[in-house]
């Protein structure tokens, strides 16, 4: 999850972040993100801009 957060903060697409961080797909990353951080990856990315 830390790698996905770093990639998203650096501007990677959500699909690229999911694949690079080892998630099966973007949907799996989104569910894990919401479970652990309480926000969607898209909302996290928007907050990092």
Protein backbone atom coordinates (compact mmCIF):
# COMPACT_ATOMS: atom_id res chain seq x y z
CA UNK A 1 0.00 0.00 0.00
CA UNK A 2 2.86 2.39 0.75
CA UNK A 3 4.19 1.98 -2.79
CA UNK A 4 0.77 2.64 -4.29
CA UNK A 5 0.40 5.79 -2.17
CA UNK A 6 3.82 7.05 -3.27
CA UNK A 7 3.11 6.40 -6.93
CA UNK A 8 -0.27 8.13 -6.77
CA UNK A 9 1.25 11.10 -4.95
CA UNK A 10 3.85 11.37 -7.74
CA UNK A 11 1.15 11.48 -10.41
CA UNK A 12 0.99 7.89 -11.64
CA UNK A 13 -2.31 6.71 -13.03
CA UNK A 14 -4.36 4.60 -10.67
CA UNK A 15 -4.08 1.60 -12.99
CA UNK A 16 -0.29 1.93 -13.17
CA UNK A 17 -0.02 2.34 -9.40
CA UNK A 18 -2.16 -0.76 -8.85
CA UNK A 19 -0.14 -2.89 -11.25
CA UNK A 20 3.24 -1.71 -9.98
CA UNK A 21 2.25 -2.18 -6.34
CA UNK A 22 1.21 -5.77 -7.04
CA UNK A 23 -2.56 -5.54 -6.90
CA UNK A 24 -4.51 -7.85 -9.21
CA UNK A 25 -6.33 -4.84 -10.64
CA UNK A 26 -7.37 -1.30 -9.84
CA UNK A 27 -10.55 -2.49 -8.14
CA UNK A 28 -8.58 -4.51 -5.59
CA UNK A 29 -6.38 -1.51 -4.84
CA UNK A 30 -9.42 0.73 -4.43
CA UNK A 31 -11.01 -1.63 -1.91
CA UNK A 32 -7.76 -1.92 0.07
CA UNK A 33 -7.27 1.86 -0.03
CA UNK A 34 -10.75 2.53 1.34
CA UNK A 35 -10.38 -0.18 3.99
CA UNK A 36 -7.01 1.12 5.24
CA UNK A 37 -7.18 4.87 4.61
CA UNK A 38 -10.89 5.63 4.46
CA UNK A 39 -10.65 7.39 1.07
CA UNK A 40 -10.62 6.26 -2.53
CA UNK A 41 -7.38 6.45 -4.50
CA UNK A 42 -8.94 9.14 -6.72
CA UNK A 43 -9.78 11.30 -3.70
CA UNK A 44 -6.29 10.71 -2.30
CA UNK A 45 -4.74 11.76 -5.62
CA UNK A 46 -6.87 14.90 -5.72
CA UNK A 47 -5.79 15.81 -2.20
CA UNK A 48 -2.13 15.39 -3.19
CA UNK A 49 -2.43 17.90 -6.06
